[in-house]
């Protein structure tokens, strides 16, 4: 499991709560994923469909 986030410190803190998780950039996390979960209050898309 890879946790990606705009704030690297927060992504690392979340990843630290799971024994098999690591933290990286959002791009790296999404590129290597079969499933992407996104929780955001953003008013514009944060992921582009390719």
Protein backbone atom coordinates (compact mmCIF):
# COMPACT_ATOMS: atom_id res chain seq x y z
CA UNK A 1 0.00 0.00 0.00
CA UNK A 2 1.29 3.45 -0.90
CA UNK A 3 -0.15 6.58 0.65
CA UNK A 4 0.16 9.70 -1.46
CA UNK A 5 -0.63 13.24 -0.46
CA UNK A 6 0.01 16.88 -1.18
CA UNK A 7 1.56 17.22 2.29
CA UNK A 8 4.40 14.68 2.61
CA UNK A 9 4.44 14.87 6.42
CA UNK A 10 0.74 14.02 6.66
CA UNK A 11 1.09 11.20 4.12
CA UNK A 12 3.96 9.73 6.13
CA UNK A 13 1.98 10.03 9.37
CA UNK A 14 -0.94 8.15 7.82
CA UNK A 15 1.33 5.48 6.31
CA UNK A 16 2.99 4.97 9.70
CA UNK A 17 -0.35 3.77 11.07
CA UNK A 18 -0.31 0.71 8.77
CA UNK A 19 2.48 -1.87 9.07
CA UNK A 20 2.84 -2.45 5.30
CA UNK A 21 2.30 1.09 4.00
CA UNK A 22 4.78 3.57 2.61
CA UNK A 23 4.38 7.21 1.67
CA UNK A 24 5.26 8.80 -1.66
CA UNK A 25 3.96 11.44 -4.03
CA UNK A 26 0.39 11.23 -5.29
CA UNK A 27 1.67 10.51 -8.81
CA UNK A 28 3.79 7.56 -7.67
CA UNK A 29 0.97 6.18 -5.54
CA UNK A 30 -1.58 6.38 -8.37
CA UNK A 31 0.68 5.06 -11.16
CA UNK A 32 1.36 1.82 -9.34
CA UNK A 33 -2.20 1.20 -8.17
CA UNK A 34 -5.00 -1.09 -9.18
CA UNK A 35 -7.41 0.83 -6.94
CA UNK A 36 -7.32 4.52 -5.96
CA UNK A 37 -9.30 5.97 -3.07
CA UNK A 38 -9.46 9.73 -2.90
CA UNK A 39 -10.85 11.72 0.02
CA UNK A 40 -10.85 15.45 -0.59
CA UNK A 41 -12.76 18.64 -0.10
CA UNK A 42 -11.39 19.97 -3.41
CA UNK A 43 -13.72 21.83 -5.71
CA UNK A 44 -11.69 20.91 -8.79
CA UNK A 45 -10.47 17.45 -9.90
CA UNK A 46 -7.28 16.32 -8.20
CA UNK A 47 -6.71 13.37 -10.56
CA UNK A 48 -6.76 13.44 -14.35
CA UNK A 49 -8.25 10.53 -16.24
CA UNK A 50 -5.88 9.17 -18.88
